[in-house]
Amino acid sequence: MNTVFKALNDPTRREILALLQERDMTAGEIVEKFNMSGPSISHHLDLLKQAKLVIAEKDGQFIYYSLNTTMVDEIMKWFLQFKSKKK
């Protein structure tokens, strides 16, 4: 969970996740949405991969990134355990 929270701590990474919620994207498509260099976006994508929040799949010369909904479900389950129970 520490890796997940570190990844979620950055607004750029949260915005990348929001983009990937809409559709799978290549690194180039993601770079076009930001005012920063390709290597900077690659660093953000690498941290999201390490946290297992995104999945990268190579298709020819492109790498497509998608939201790992399984990990999102696990995070939600973890948070829900702290929900107070009504008595």
C-alpha atoms as a PDB file:
ATOM      1  CA  MET A   1       0.000   0.000   0.000  1.00  0.00           C
ATOM      2  CA  ASN A   2       2.887   2.398   0.613  1.00  0.00           C
ATOM      3  CA  THR A   3       3.806   2.297  -3.084  1.00  0.00           C
ATOM      4  CA  VAL A   4       0.183   2.961  -4.011  1.00  0.00           C
ATOM      5  CA  PHE A   5      -0.083   5.980  -1.726  1.00  0.00           C
ATOM      6  CA  LYS A   6       3.236   7.333  -3.001  1.00  0.00           C
ATOM      7  CA  ALA A   7       1.927   7.036  -6.564  1.00  0.00           C
ATOM      8  CA  LEU A   8      -1.390   8.689  -5.686  1.00  0.00           C
ATOM      9  CA  ASN A   9       0.345  11.533  -3.857  1.00  0.00           C
ATOM     10  CA  ASP A  10       1.202  13.348  -7.093  1.00  0.00           C
ATOM     11  CA  PRO A  11      -1.444  15.354  -9.013  1.00  0.00           C
ATOM     12  CA  THR A  12       0.102  14.496 -12.398  1.00  0.00           C
ATOM     13  CA  ARG A  13      -0.168  10.776 -11.659  1.00  0.00           C
ATOM     14  CA  ARG A  14      -3.768  11.209 -10.499  1.00  0.00           C
ATOM     15  CA  GLU A  15      -4.538  13.029 -13.750  1.00  0.00           C
ATOM     16  CA  ILE A  16      -2.930  10.220 -15.757  1.00  0.00           C
ATOM     17  CA  LEU A  17      -5.179   7.736 -13.944  1.00  0.00           C
ATOM     18  CA  ALA A  18      -8.222   9.877 -14.773  1.00  0.00           C
ATOM     19  CA  LEU A  19      -7.225   9.884 -18.461  1.00  0.00           C
ATOM     20  CA  LEU A  20      -6.784   6.114 -18.441  1.00  0.00           C
ATOM     21  CA  GLN A  21     -10.200   5.712 -16.859  1.00  0.00           C
ATOM     22  CA  GLU A  22     -11.626   7.033 -20.137  1.00  0.00           C
ATOM     23  CA  ARG A  23      -9.568   4.815 -22.474  1.00  0.00           C
ATOM     24  CA  ASP A  24      -6.249   3.041 -22.959  1.00  0.00           C
ATOM     25  CA  MET A  25      -3.542   5.369 -24.252  1.00  0.00           C
ATOM     26  CA  THR A  26       0.002   5.246 -25.585  1.00  0.00           C
ATOM     27  CA  ALA A  27       2.764   7.103 -23.777  1.00  0.00           C
ATOM     28  CA  GLY A  28       2.821   9.616 -26.642  1.00  0.00           C
ATOM     29  CA  GLU A  29      -0.900  10.309 -26.277  1.00  0.00           C
ATOM     30  CA  ILE A  30      -0.444  10.843 -22.550  1.00  0.00           C
ATOM     31  CA  VAL A  31       2.501  13.213 -23.114  1.00  0.00           C
ATOM     32  CA  GLU A  32       0.307  15.323 -25.442  1.00  0.00           C
ATOM     33  CA  LYS A  33      -2.080  16.000 -22.535  1.00  0.00           C
ATOM     34  CA  PHE A  34       0.619  17.578 -20.354  1.00  0.00           C
ATOM     35  CA  ASN A  35       3.051  20.439 -20.553  1.00  0.00           C
ATOM     36  CA  MET A  36       6.081  18.334 -19.630  1.00  0.00           C
ATOM     37  CA  SER A  37       8.721  16.217 -21.296  1.00  0.00           C
ATOM     38  CA  GLY A  38       8.343  12.619 -22.388  1.00  0.00           C
ATOM     39  CA  PRO A  39      10.954  11.411 -19.873  1.00  0.00           C
ATOM     40  CA  SER A  40       9.024  13.095 -17.054  1.00  0.00           C
ATOM     41  CA  ILE A  41       5.792  11.360 -18.078  1.00  0.00           C
ATOM     42  CA  SER A  42       7.703   8.072 -18.409  1.00  0.00           C
ATOM     43  CA  HIS A  43       8.871   8.484 -14.815  1.00  0.00           C
ATOM     44  CA  HIS A  44       5.273   9.025 -13.662  1.00  0.00           C
ATOM     45  CA  LEU A  45       4.101   6.001 -15.653  1.00  0.00           C
ATOM     46  CA  ASP A  46       6.880   3.895 -14.157  1.00  0.00           C
ATOM     47  CA  LEU A  47       5.789   4.784 -10.625  1.00  0.00           C
ATOM     48  CA  LEU A  48       2.177   3.966 -11.506  1.00  0.00           C
ATOM     49  CA  LYS A  49       3.321   0.596 -12.892  1.00  0.00           C
ATOM     50  CA  GLN A  50       5.347  -0.126  -9.747  1.00  0.00           C
ATOM     51  CA  ALA A  51       2.210   0.561  -7.704  1.00  0.00           C
ATOM     52  CA  LYS A  52       0.310  -1.772 -10.066  1.00  0.00           C
ATOM     53  CA  LEU A  53      -2.190   1.003 -10.802  1.00  0.00           C
ATOM     54  CA  VAL A  54      -1.541   0.791 -14.542  1.00  0.00           C
ATOM     55  CA  ILE A  55      -0.782  -2.040 -16.921  1.00  0.00           C
ATOM     56  CA  ALA A  56       1.556  -1.580 -19.885  1.00  0.00           C
ATOM     57  CA  GLU A  57       1.147  -3.763 -22.971  1.00  0.00           C
ATOM     58  CA  LYS A  58       3.400  -3.570 -26.012  1.00  0.00           C
ATOM     59  CA  ASP A  59       1.725  -3.604 -29.417  1.00  0.00           C
ATOM     60  CA  GLY A  60       4.293  -3.322 -32.178  1.00  0.00           C
ATOM     61  CA  GLN A  61       6.289  -0.162 -31.570  1.00  0.00           C
ATOM     62  CA  PHE A  62       3.740   1.274 -29.134  1.00  0.00           C
ATOM     63  CA  ILE A  63       3.147   0.631 -25.458  1.00  0.00           C
ATOM     64  CA  TYR A  64      -0.472   0.998 -24.409  1.00  0.00           C
ATOM     65  CA  TYR A  65      -1.259   1.920 -20.830  1.00  0.00           C
ATOM     66  CA  SER A  66      -4.499   0.991 -19.129  1.00  0.00           C
ATOM     67  CA  LEU A  67      -5.966   1.398 -15.682  1.00  0.00           C
ATOM     68  CA  ASN A  68      -5.561  -1.716 -13.545  1.00  0.00           C
ATOM     69  CA  THR A  69      -9.106  -1.971 -12.233  1.00  0.00           C
ATOM     70  CA  THR A  70      -8.215  -4.999 -10.119  1.00  0.00           C
ATOM     71  CA  MET A  71      -5.841  -2.874  -8.049  1.00  0.00           C
ATOM     72  CA  VAL A  72      -8.398  -0.071  -7.848  1.00  0.00           C
ATOM     73  CA  ASP A  73     -10.904  -2.608  -6.478  1.00  0.00           C
ATOM     74  CA  GLU A  74      -8.354  -3.769  -3.881  1.00  0.00           C
ATOM     75  CA  ILE A  75      -7.730  -0.190  -2.753  1.00  0.00           C
ATOM     76  CA  MET A  76     -11.473   0.418  -2.435  1.00  0.00           C
ATOM     77  CA  LYS A  77     -11.895  -2.745  -0.348  1.00  0.00           C
ATOM     78  CA  TRP A  78      -9.042  -1.630   1.880  1.00  0.00           C
ATOM     79  CA  PHE A  79     -10.647   1.794   2.404  1.00  0.00           C
ATOM     80  CA  LEU A  80     -14.092   0.345   3.014  1.00  0.00           C
ATOM     81  CA  GLN A  81     -12.862  -1.684   5.965  1.00  0.00           C
ATOM     82  CA  PHE A  82     -12.596   1.616   7.860  1.00  0.00           C
ATOM     83  CA  LYS A  83     -16.167   2.683   7.161  1.00  0.00           C
ATOM     84  CA  SER A  84     -18.024   3.074  10.411  1.00  0.00           C
ATOM     85  CA  LYS A  85     -20.838   0.661  10.988  1.00  0.00           C
ATOM     86  CA  LYS A  86     -24.206   2.037  12.014  1.00  0.00           C
ATOM     87  CA  LYS A  87     -25.577   0.610  15.214  1.00  0.00           C
END
